[in-house]
N, C-alpha and C. Protein backbone atom coordinates (compact mmCIF):
# COMPACT_ATOMS: atom_id res chain seq x y z
N MET A 1 26.74 6.18 11.17
CA MET A 1 25.79 5.54 12.08
C MET A 1 24.44 5.41 11.37
N PRO A 2 23.86 4.22 11.34
CA PRO A 2 22.58 4.06 10.63
C PRO A 2 21.44 4.80 11.33
N ARG A 3 20.56 5.33 10.51
CA ARG A 3 19.38 6.00 11.06
C ARG A 3 18.50 4.98 11.74
N SER A 4 17.76 5.43 12.73
CA SER A 4 16.83 4.52 13.39
C SER A 4 15.71 4.18 12.41
N LYS A 5 15.11 3.04 12.65
CA LYS A 5 14.01 2.64 11.75
C LYS A 5 12.85 3.62 11.86
N LEU A 6 12.64 4.19 13.05
CA LEU A 6 11.55 5.16 13.24
C LEU A 6 11.79 6.42 12.40
N ALA A 7 13.05 6.83 12.27
CA ALA A 7 13.39 8.03 11.49
C ALA A 7 13.13 7.83 10.00
N LEU A 8 13.09 6.58 9.55
CA LEU A 8 12.74 6.27 8.17
C LEU A 8 11.24 6.03 8.03
N PHE A 9 10.70 5.27 8.95
CA PHE A 9 9.31 4.82 8.89
C PHE A 9 8.31 5.98 8.97
N VAL A 10 8.41 6.79 10.00
CA VAL A 10 7.40 7.84 10.24
C VAL A 10 7.33 8.86 9.10
N PRO A 11 8.46 9.44 8.66
CA PRO A 11 8.35 10.40 7.55
C PRO A 11 7.81 9.78 6.27
N LEU A 12 8.21 8.55 5.98
CA LEU A 12 7.73 7.89 4.76
C LEU A 12 6.23 7.67 4.82
N VAL A 13 5.73 7.17 5.94
CA VAL A 13 4.28 6.98 6.10
C VAL A 13 3.57 8.32 6.00
N ALA A 14 4.08 9.33 6.70
CA ALA A 14 3.42 10.64 6.71
C ALA A 14 3.35 11.26 5.31
N VAL A 15 4.46 11.24 4.59
CA VAL A 15 4.49 11.82 3.24
C VAL A 15 3.51 11.10 2.32
N LEU A 16 3.50 9.78 2.39
CA LEU A 16 2.61 9.02 1.49
C LEU A 16 1.14 9.21 1.84
N VAL A 17 0.80 9.23 3.11
CA VAL A 17 -0.60 9.44 3.50
C VAL A 17 -1.05 10.84 3.07
N VAL A 18 -0.21 11.84 3.29
CA VAL A 18 -0.55 13.20 2.87
C VAL A 18 -0.68 13.28 1.35
N ALA A 19 0.27 12.69 0.62
CA ALA A 19 0.21 12.70 -0.85
C ALA A 19 -1.07 12.02 -1.34
N ASP A 20 -1.42 10.91 -0.69
CA ASP A 20 -2.64 10.19 -1.07
C ASP A 20 -3.86 11.06 -0.83
N ARG A 21 -3.95 11.66 0.35
CA ARG A 21 -5.12 12.49 0.68
C ARG A 21 -5.22 13.70 -0.25
N VAL A 22 -4.10 14.36 -0.51
CA VAL A 22 -4.10 15.56 -1.35
C VAL A 22 -4.51 15.21 -2.78
N THR A 23 -3.93 14.14 -3.33
CA THR A 23 -4.28 13.78 -4.72
C THR A 23 -5.74 13.36 -4.84
N LYS A 24 -6.25 12.68 -3.83
CA LYS A 24 -7.67 12.29 -3.86
C LYS A 24 -8.58 13.52 -3.76
N ALA A 25 -8.20 14.47 -2.92
CA ALA A 25 -9.00 15.70 -2.79
C ALA A 25 -9.00 16.48 -4.10
N ILE A 26 -7.84 16.56 -4.74
CA ILE A 26 -7.77 17.25 -6.03
C ILE A 26 -8.63 16.52 -7.06
N ALA A 27 -8.53 15.21 -7.10
CA ALA A 27 -9.32 14.43 -8.06
C ALA A 27 -10.81 14.69 -7.85
N GLU A 28 -11.25 14.72 -6.60
CA GLU A 28 -12.68 14.96 -6.34
C GLU A 28 -13.10 16.38 -6.71
N GLN A 29 -12.18 17.33 -6.64
CA GLN A 29 -12.51 18.71 -6.97
C GLN A 29 -12.53 18.99 -8.47
N VAL A 30 -11.62 18.36 -9.21
CA VAL A 30 -11.47 18.75 -10.62
C VAL A 30 -12.01 17.74 -11.62
N LEU A 31 -12.26 16.52 -11.19
CA LEU A 31 -12.73 15.50 -12.12
C LEU A 31 -14.23 15.28 -11.99
N VAL A 32 -14.83 14.88 -13.10
CA VAL A 32 -16.24 14.53 -13.13
C VAL A 32 -16.33 13.01 -13.02
N LEU A 33 -17.20 12.53 -12.15
CA LEU A 33 -17.34 11.11 -11.90
C LEU A 33 -17.50 10.33 -13.20
N TYR A 34 -16.66 9.32 -13.39
CA TYR A 34 -16.67 8.39 -14.53
C TYR A 34 -16.30 9.01 -15.88
N VAL A 35 -15.87 10.27 -15.91
CA VAL A 35 -15.52 10.92 -17.17
C VAL A 35 -13.99 10.99 -17.27
N PRO A 36 -13.39 10.19 -18.16
CA PRO A 36 -11.93 10.18 -18.27
C PRO A 36 -11.39 11.51 -18.80
N ARG A 37 -10.24 11.90 -18.24
CA ARG A 37 -9.50 13.07 -18.73
C ARG A 37 -8.13 12.56 -19.15
N GLU A 38 -7.86 12.63 -20.45
CA GLU A 38 -6.60 12.10 -20.97
C GLU A 38 -5.41 12.91 -20.48
N VAL A 39 -4.36 12.19 -20.08
CA VAL A 39 -3.11 12.82 -19.64
C VAL A 39 -2.01 12.49 -20.64
N LEU A 40 -1.85 11.21 -20.93
CA LEU A 40 -0.92 10.75 -21.97
C LEU A 40 -1.73 9.95 -22.98
N GLY A 41 -2.51 10.66 -23.75
CA GLY A 41 -3.41 10.00 -24.69
C GLY A 41 -4.36 9.09 -23.95
N ASN A 42 -4.64 7.94 -24.54
CA ASN A 42 -5.55 6.98 -23.94
C ASN A 42 -4.83 6.07 -22.94
N THR A 43 -3.49 6.14 -22.89
CA THR A 43 -2.71 5.25 -22.03
C THR A 43 -2.82 5.63 -20.56
N LEU A 44 -2.73 6.91 -20.24
CA LEU A 44 -2.88 7.39 -18.86
C LEU A 44 -3.98 8.43 -18.84
N ARG A 45 -4.98 8.15 -18.01
CA ARG A 45 -6.11 9.07 -17.87
C ARG A 45 -6.39 9.26 -16.39
N TRP A 46 -6.99 10.39 -16.07
CA TRP A 46 -7.55 10.60 -14.73
C TRP A 46 -9.04 10.34 -14.85
N THR A 47 -9.54 9.38 -14.09
CA THR A 47 -10.96 9.05 -14.11
C THR A 47 -11.42 8.85 -12.67
N LEU A 48 -12.29 9.72 -12.19
CA LEU A 48 -12.77 9.62 -10.82
C LEU A 48 -13.80 8.50 -10.68
N VAL A 49 -13.50 7.58 -9.76
CA VAL A 49 -14.45 6.52 -9.41
C VAL A 49 -14.36 6.31 -7.90
N TYR A 50 -15.40 5.73 -7.36
CA TYR A 50 -15.40 5.36 -5.94
C TYR A 50 -15.49 3.84 -5.86
N ASN A 51 -14.61 3.26 -5.08
CA ASN A 51 -14.57 1.81 -4.94
C ASN A 51 -15.05 1.44 -3.53
N PRO A 52 -16.25 0.91 -3.41
CA PRO A 52 -16.77 0.54 -2.09
C PRO A 52 -16.18 -0.77 -1.57
N GLY A 53 -15.44 -1.46 -2.43
CA GLY A 53 -14.86 -2.75 -2.03
C GLY A 53 -13.37 -2.65 -1.80
N ALA A 54 -12.65 -3.56 -2.43
CA ALA A 54 -11.20 -3.61 -2.26
C ALA A 54 -10.55 -3.67 -3.64
N ALA A 55 -9.29 -4.04 -3.66
CA ALA A 55 -8.53 -4.08 -4.91
C ALA A 55 -9.23 -4.91 -5.96
N PHE A 56 -9.08 -4.47 -7.20
CA PHE A 56 -9.63 -5.16 -8.37
C PHE A 56 -11.15 -5.30 -8.31
N GLY A 57 -11.81 -4.38 -7.62
CA GLY A 57 -13.27 -4.38 -7.59
C GLY A 57 -13.88 -5.45 -6.71
N LEU A 58 -13.10 -6.07 -5.84
CA LEU A 58 -13.63 -7.08 -4.92
C LEU A 58 -14.67 -6.41 -4.02
N HIS A 59 -15.88 -6.92 -4.07
CA HIS A 59 -16.99 -6.32 -3.32
C HIS A 59 -17.74 -7.42 -2.58
N LEU A 60 -18.02 -7.18 -1.30
CA LEU A 60 -18.68 -8.20 -0.48
C LEU A 60 -20.09 -7.79 -0.05
N GLY A 61 -20.77 -7.08 -0.91
CA GLY A 61 -22.14 -6.71 -0.62
C GLY A 61 -22.25 -5.45 0.22
N PRO A 62 -23.40 -5.27 0.88
CA PRO A 62 -23.67 -4.01 1.58
C PRO A 62 -22.75 -3.76 2.78
N TYR A 63 -22.08 -4.80 3.24
CA TYR A 63 -21.20 -4.62 4.41
C TYR A 63 -19.73 -4.54 4.02
N SER A 64 -19.44 -4.39 2.74
CA SER A 64 -18.05 -4.33 2.26
C SER A 64 -17.24 -3.28 3.01
N ARG A 65 -17.80 -2.09 3.14
CA ARG A 65 -17.08 -1.00 3.80
C ARG A 65 -16.61 -1.43 5.18
N TRP A 66 -17.49 -2.02 5.96
CA TRP A 66 -17.17 -2.39 7.34
C TRP A 66 -16.24 -3.59 7.39
N ILE A 67 -16.45 -4.53 6.50
CA ILE A 67 -15.57 -5.71 6.46
C ILE A 67 -14.15 -5.30 6.10
N PHE A 68 -14.01 -4.44 5.09
CA PHE A 68 -12.66 -4.03 4.67
C PHE A 68 -12.02 -3.08 5.69
N MET A 69 -12.82 -2.32 6.41
CA MET A 69 -12.25 -1.53 7.51
C MET A 69 -11.66 -2.46 8.57
N ALA A 70 -12.41 -3.47 8.95
CA ALA A 70 -11.93 -4.42 9.97
C ALA A 70 -10.69 -5.17 9.48
N LEU A 71 -10.71 -5.60 8.22
CA LEU A 71 -9.54 -6.29 7.67
C LEU A 71 -8.32 -5.38 7.63
N THR A 72 -8.53 -4.11 7.33
CA THR A 72 -7.42 -3.16 7.30
C THR A 72 -6.83 -2.96 8.69
N VAL A 73 -7.69 -2.83 9.68
CA VAL A 73 -7.20 -2.68 11.06
C VAL A 73 -6.41 -3.93 11.47
N ALA A 74 -6.91 -5.10 11.11
CA ALA A 74 -6.17 -6.34 11.41
C ALA A 74 -4.82 -6.33 10.69
N ALA A 75 -4.80 -5.91 9.44
CA ALA A 75 -3.54 -5.84 8.69
C ALA A 75 -2.58 -4.85 9.34
N LEU A 76 -3.10 -3.75 9.86
CA LEU A 76 -2.24 -2.77 10.53
C LEU A 76 -1.60 -3.36 11.79
N PHE A 77 -2.31 -4.22 12.50
CA PHE A 77 -1.72 -4.90 13.66
C PHE A 77 -0.59 -5.82 13.21
N ILE A 78 -0.81 -6.55 12.13
CA ILE A 78 0.24 -7.43 11.59
C ILE A 78 1.45 -6.60 11.17
N LEU A 79 1.19 -5.48 10.50
CA LEU A 79 2.28 -4.60 10.07
C LEU A 79 3.03 -4.02 11.26
N ALA A 80 2.31 -3.71 12.34
CA ALA A 80 2.97 -3.21 13.55
C ALA A 80 3.92 -4.26 14.11
N ASN A 81 3.50 -5.52 14.08
CA ASN A 81 4.38 -6.60 14.54
C ASN A 81 5.58 -6.77 13.62
N LEU A 82 5.37 -6.67 12.32
CA LEU A 82 6.50 -6.75 11.38
C LEU A 82 7.48 -5.60 11.62
N TYR A 83 6.94 -4.42 11.87
CA TYR A 83 7.80 -3.27 12.16
C TYR A 83 8.59 -3.51 13.45
N ARG A 84 7.89 -3.94 14.48
CA ARG A 84 8.53 -4.19 15.78
C ARG A 84 9.66 -5.21 15.64
N ASP A 85 9.46 -6.24 14.81
CA ASP A 85 10.45 -7.30 14.64
C ASP A 85 11.57 -6.93 13.66
N THR A 86 11.45 -5.77 13.04
CA THR A 86 12.48 -5.33 12.09
C THR A 86 13.70 -4.82 12.86
N LYS A 87 14.85 -5.32 12.45
CA LYS A 87 16.10 -4.93 13.10
C LYS A 87 16.45 -3.49 12.73
N PRO A 88 17.01 -2.73 13.67
CA PRO A 88 17.50 -1.39 13.32
C PRO A 88 18.52 -1.50 12.19
N GLY A 89 18.45 -0.61 11.24
CA GLY A 89 19.36 -0.65 10.10
C GLY A 89 18.85 -1.48 8.93
N ASP A 90 17.76 -2.20 9.10
CA ASP A 90 17.19 -2.96 8.00
C ASP A 90 16.26 -2.03 7.22
N HIS A 91 16.88 -1.22 6.38
CA HIS A 91 16.14 -0.17 5.68
C HIS A 91 15.15 -0.71 4.65
N TRP A 92 15.49 -1.83 4.01
CA TRP A 92 14.57 -2.38 3.01
C TRP A 92 13.29 -2.87 3.66
N ARG A 93 13.42 -3.60 4.76
CA ARG A 93 12.23 -4.11 5.44
C ARG A 93 11.43 -2.95 6.04
N THR A 94 12.11 -1.98 6.62
CA THR A 94 11.42 -0.81 7.18
C THR A 94 10.66 -0.07 6.09
N THR A 95 11.30 0.10 4.94
CA THR A 95 10.65 0.80 3.82
C THR A 95 9.43 0.02 3.34
N ALA A 96 9.57 -1.29 3.20
CA ALA A 96 8.46 -2.12 2.74
C ALA A 96 7.28 -2.02 3.69
N VAL A 97 7.53 -2.15 4.98
CA VAL A 97 6.44 -2.08 5.97
C VAL A 97 5.82 -0.68 5.96
N ALA A 98 6.64 0.35 5.81
CA ALA A 98 6.12 1.72 5.77
C ALA A 98 5.22 1.94 4.56
N LEU A 99 5.63 1.42 3.41
CA LEU A 99 4.82 1.59 2.20
C LEU A 99 3.45 0.92 2.35
N VAL A 100 3.44 -0.32 2.82
CA VAL A 100 2.17 -1.02 2.98
C VAL A 100 1.32 -0.33 4.05
N THR A 101 1.94 0.10 5.13
CA THR A 101 1.21 0.80 6.20
C THR A 101 0.59 2.08 5.68
N ALA A 102 1.37 2.87 4.96
CA ALA A 102 0.86 4.14 4.43
C ALA A 102 -0.32 3.91 3.50
N GLY A 103 -0.20 2.93 2.62
CA GLY A 103 -1.30 2.64 1.70
C GLY A 103 -2.54 2.17 2.43
N ALA A 104 -2.35 1.31 3.41
CA ALA A 104 -3.49 0.82 4.19
C ALA A 104 -4.16 1.98 4.92
N LEU A 105 -3.37 2.85 5.52
CA LEU A 105 -3.95 4.01 6.23
C LEU A 105 -4.67 4.95 5.27
N GLY A 106 -4.08 5.20 4.12
CA GLY A 106 -4.71 6.11 3.15
C GLY A 106 -6.08 5.62 2.73
N ASN A 107 -6.19 4.35 2.41
CA ASN A 107 -7.50 3.82 2.00
C ASN A 107 -8.44 3.65 3.18
N LEU A 108 -7.90 3.38 4.36
CA LEU A 108 -8.75 3.29 5.56
C LEU A 108 -9.42 4.64 5.84
N VAL A 109 -8.68 5.71 5.69
CA VAL A 109 -9.26 7.05 5.90
C VAL A 109 -10.44 7.24 4.96
N ASP A 110 -10.30 6.85 3.70
CA ASP A 110 -11.42 6.97 2.75
C ASP A 110 -12.63 6.17 3.22
N ARG A 111 -12.39 4.95 3.66
CA ARG A 111 -13.51 4.11 4.10
C ARG A 111 -14.21 4.70 5.31
N ILE A 112 -13.43 5.35 6.18
CA ILE A 112 -14.02 5.95 7.38
C ILE A 112 -14.84 7.18 7.02
N ILE A 113 -14.31 8.05 6.16
CA ILE A 113 -14.98 9.33 5.93
C ILE A 113 -16.01 9.31 4.81
N SER A 114 -16.00 8.28 3.96
CA SER A 114 -16.92 8.30 2.82
C SER A 114 -17.66 6.97 2.65
N PRO A 115 -18.97 7.02 2.75
CA PRO A 115 -19.73 5.81 2.47
C PRO A 115 -19.70 5.42 0.99
N ARG A 116 -19.23 6.32 0.14
CA ARG A 116 -19.14 6.02 -1.30
C ARG A 116 -18.00 5.05 -1.60
N GLY A 117 -16.99 5.05 -0.74
CA GLY A 117 -15.86 4.15 -0.93
C GLY A 117 -14.56 4.90 -1.12
N VAL A 118 -13.55 4.14 -1.48
CA VAL A 118 -12.21 4.67 -1.69
C VAL A 118 -12.17 5.45 -3.01
N VAL A 119 -11.53 6.61 -2.98
CA VAL A 119 -11.38 7.43 -4.18
C VAL A 119 -10.26 6.84 -5.03
N ASP A 120 -10.59 6.49 -6.26
CA ASP A 120 -9.61 6.03 -7.24
C ASP A 120 -9.67 6.99 -8.42
N PHE A 121 -8.52 7.21 -9.07
CA PHE A 121 -8.54 8.16 -10.19
C PHE A 121 -7.45 7.90 -11.23
N ILE A 122 -6.49 7.05 -10.96
CA ILE A 122 -5.42 6.79 -11.93
C ILE A 122 -5.87 5.62 -12.81
N ASP A 123 -5.99 5.91 -14.08
CA ASP A 123 -6.60 4.99 -15.05
C ASP A 123 -5.60 4.73 -16.17
N VAL A 124 -5.03 3.51 -16.21
CA VAL A 124 -4.04 3.19 -17.23
C VAL A 124 -4.51 2.02 -18.08
N GLY A 125 -4.07 2.01 -19.32
CA GLY A 125 -4.42 0.93 -20.22
C GLY A 125 -4.26 1.36 -21.65
N ILE A 126 -4.69 0.47 -22.52
CA ILE A 126 -4.66 0.77 -23.96
C ILE A 126 -6.04 0.46 -24.50
N GLY A 127 -6.70 1.49 -25.02
CA GLY A 127 -8.05 1.32 -25.55
C GLY A 127 -8.98 0.81 -24.48
N ALA A 128 -9.68 -0.28 -24.80
CA ALA A 128 -10.64 -0.86 -23.85
C ALA A 128 -9.95 -1.76 -22.83
N ALA A 129 -8.68 -2.09 -23.04
CA ALA A 129 -7.93 -2.94 -22.10
C ALA A 129 -7.37 -2.05 -21.00
N ARG A 130 -8.07 -1.97 -19.88
CA ARG A 130 -7.70 -1.04 -18.80
C ARG A 130 -7.35 -1.83 -17.55
N TRP A 131 -6.38 -1.33 -16.81
CA TRP A 131 -6.09 -1.84 -15.47
C TRP A 131 -7.16 -1.25 -14.56
N PRO A 132 -7.54 -1.92 -13.48
CA PRO A 132 -8.51 -1.29 -12.57
C PRO A 132 -7.97 0.06 -12.06
N THR A 133 -8.84 1.04 -12.01
CA THR A 133 -8.47 2.38 -11.57
C THR A 133 -7.94 2.32 -10.14
N PHE A 134 -6.90 3.12 -9.85
CA PHE A 134 -6.25 3.04 -8.54
C PHE A 134 -5.84 4.41 -8.06
N ASN A 135 -5.10 4.47 -6.95
CA ASN A 135 -4.69 5.73 -6.33
C ASN A 135 -3.28 5.60 -5.76
N VAL A 136 -2.78 6.65 -5.12
CA VAL A 136 -1.44 6.65 -4.54
C VAL A 136 -1.31 5.58 -3.46
N ALA A 137 -2.32 5.43 -2.62
CA ALA A 137 -2.29 4.42 -1.56
C ALA A 137 -2.16 3.02 -2.15
N ASP A 138 -2.87 2.77 -3.22
CA ASP A 138 -2.79 1.46 -3.88
C ASP A 138 -1.37 1.20 -4.41
N MET A 139 -0.75 2.24 -4.96
CA MET A 139 0.62 2.08 -5.45
C MET A 139 1.56 1.76 -4.30
N ALA A 140 1.38 2.45 -3.18
CA ALA A 140 2.24 2.21 -2.01
C ALA A 140 2.08 0.78 -1.51
N VAL A 141 0.83 0.32 -1.42
CA VAL A 141 0.59 -1.06 -0.96
C VAL A 141 1.23 -2.06 -1.93
N SER A 142 1.04 -1.85 -3.22
CA SER A 142 1.55 -2.79 -4.22
C SER A 142 3.08 -2.86 -4.21
N VAL A 143 3.73 -1.71 -4.26
CA VAL A 143 5.20 -1.68 -4.25
C VAL A 143 5.71 -2.23 -2.92
N GLY A 144 5.08 -1.81 -1.81
CA GLY A 144 5.50 -2.28 -0.50
C GLY A 144 5.32 -3.78 -0.33
N ALA A 145 4.23 -4.32 -0.85
CA ALA A 145 3.98 -5.77 -0.72
C ALA A 145 5.01 -6.57 -1.51
N VAL A 146 5.34 -6.12 -2.71
CA VAL A 146 6.36 -6.82 -3.50
C VAL A 146 7.72 -6.74 -2.80
N LEU A 147 8.06 -5.55 -2.33
CA LEU A 147 9.33 -5.38 -1.61
C LEU A 147 9.36 -6.22 -0.34
N LEU A 148 8.27 -6.24 0.40
CA LEU A 148 8.21 -7.03 1.64
C LEU A 148 8.35 -8.52 1.33
N ALA A 149 7.70 -8.98 0.27
CA ALA A 149 7.82 -10.38 -0.12
C ALA A 149 9.28 -10.72 -0.45
N LEU A 150 9.95 -9.84 -1.18
CA LEU A 150 11.35 -10.08 -1.52
C LEU A 150 12.23 -10.08 -0.28
N VAL A 151 11.99 -9.14 0.63
CA VAL A 151 12.77 -9.07 1.87
C VAL A 151 12.56 -10.32 2.72
N LEU A 152 11.31 -10.72 2.90
CA LEU A 152 11.02 -11.90 3.71
C LEU A 152 11.56 -13.17 3.05
N TRP A 153 11.49 -13.24 1.74
CA TRP A 153 12.05 -14.37 1.01
C TRP A 153 13.55 -14.44 1.23
N GLY A 154 14.21 -13.28 1.16
CA GLY A 154 15.65 -13.22 1.41
C GLY A 154 15.99 -13.64 2.83
N GLU A 155 15.19 -13.23 3.80
CA GLU A 155 15.42 -13.64 5.19
C GLU A 155 15.25 -15.14 5.34
N ASP A 156 14.24 -15.71 4.70
CA ASP A 156 14.03 -17.17 4.76
C ASP A 156 15.21 -17.92 4.13
N ARG A 157 15.69 -17.42 2.99
CA ARG A 157 16.83 -18.07 2.34
C ARG A 157 18.07 -18.01 3.22
N ALA A 158 18.31 -16.86 3.87
CA ALA A 158 19.47 -16.72 4.75
C ALA A 158 19.35 -17.66 5.94
N ALA A 159 18.15 -17.78 6.50
CA ALA A 159 17.94 -18.69 7.63
C ALA A 159 18.14 -20.14 7.20
N ALA A 160 17.69 -20.49 6.01
CA ALA A 160 17.86 -21.85 5.51
C ALA A 160 19.35 -22.16 5.28
N ARG A 161 20.08 -21.18 4.72
CA ARG A 161 21.53 -21.37 4.52
C ARG A 161 22.23 -21.56 5.86
N ALA A 162 21.86 -20.71 6.84
CA ALA A 162 22.48 -20.81 8.16
C ALA A 162 22.18 -22.16 8.80
N ALA A 163 20.95 -22.63 8.65
CA ALA A 163 20.57 -23.94 9.21
C ALA A 163 21.34 -25.06 8.52
N ALA A 164 21.51 -24.95 7.22
CA ALA A 164 22.24 -25.99 6.47
C ALA A 164 23.71 -26.03 6.86
N LEU A 165 24.24 -24.87 7.23
CA LEU A 165 25.64 -24.80 7.64
C LEU A 165 25.81 -25.12 9.13
N GLY A 166 24.67 -25.28 9.83
CA GLY A 166 24.73 -25.57 11.25
C GLY A 166 25.08 -24.39 12.11
N THR A 167 24.80 -23.20 11.58
CA THR A 167 25.07 -21.98 12.34
C THR A 167 23.77 -21.28 12.66
N GLY A 168 23.79 -20.41 13.63
CA GLY A 168 22.62 -19.61 13.98
C GLY A 168 22.51 -18.43 13.07
N PRO A 169 21.52 -17.57 13.25
CA PRO A 169 21.32 -16.40 12.39
C PRO A 169 22.52 -15.47 12.39
N SER A 170 23.31 -15.45 13.49
CA SER A 170 24.45 -14.55 13.53
C SER A 170 25.68 -15.16 12.90
N GLY A 171 25.59 -16.44 12.53
CA GLY A 171 26.71 -17.11 11.91
C GLY A 171 27.58 -17.88 12.92
N ALA A 172 27.27 -17.78 14.20
CA ALA A 172 28.03 -18.48 15.24
C ALA A 172 27.47 -19.87 15.44
N THR A 173 28.35 -20.80 15.82
CA THR A 173 27.89 -22.17 16.08
C THR A 173 27.55 -22.35 17.55
C-alpha cells in the first residue's frame, strides 16, 4: 500500500528545515565572516556570508528583505496548491514540492530573524572562479525545482499523448 503523500512530505520538509537551521547556526558559530576555510582544498570551502537579497546576489535595494519575504510567502501558497493537486502515490511530485517548500521555509526563517540576510556558507569553485555561496535550503530549492520541472514536463507530455489518442487522463474514451 503506498504511503500517503503527507507521510512523505512532512518528514522531508522537517528534516531539511532542521538541517538548514543547524548548519547555518554552526556556520555562524565557527566561521569568521568572509574568511574562507578550506575543506577540499580551494574547491570546497566554508565561507560565512549574509545575503540580504536572493539567489545569485539579486538585490532590490533597502526593501529587498521585505520584498523577498513577500515573494516567498506567495511561492509557499503556490507550493501548497501544487501539493494539494498532487495525487496520492505520486512520490516524485511530492518529493519535489517538499524540497522546494523546505528550502523556501529555511531561507524565509533567516529573512524573518536576521536583518543581515540569509546565512550562506558553502563556497565551491576553482581559484577565483566561484559559484555564488549557498546553503542547505538553496540546495533543496535547486534540486526540488529541477525535479518539479521534470515531473510537470512529464505530466504535460502524458496529457498531450492522451489528447492525441483521444483519451482522457485515465486512458478511457
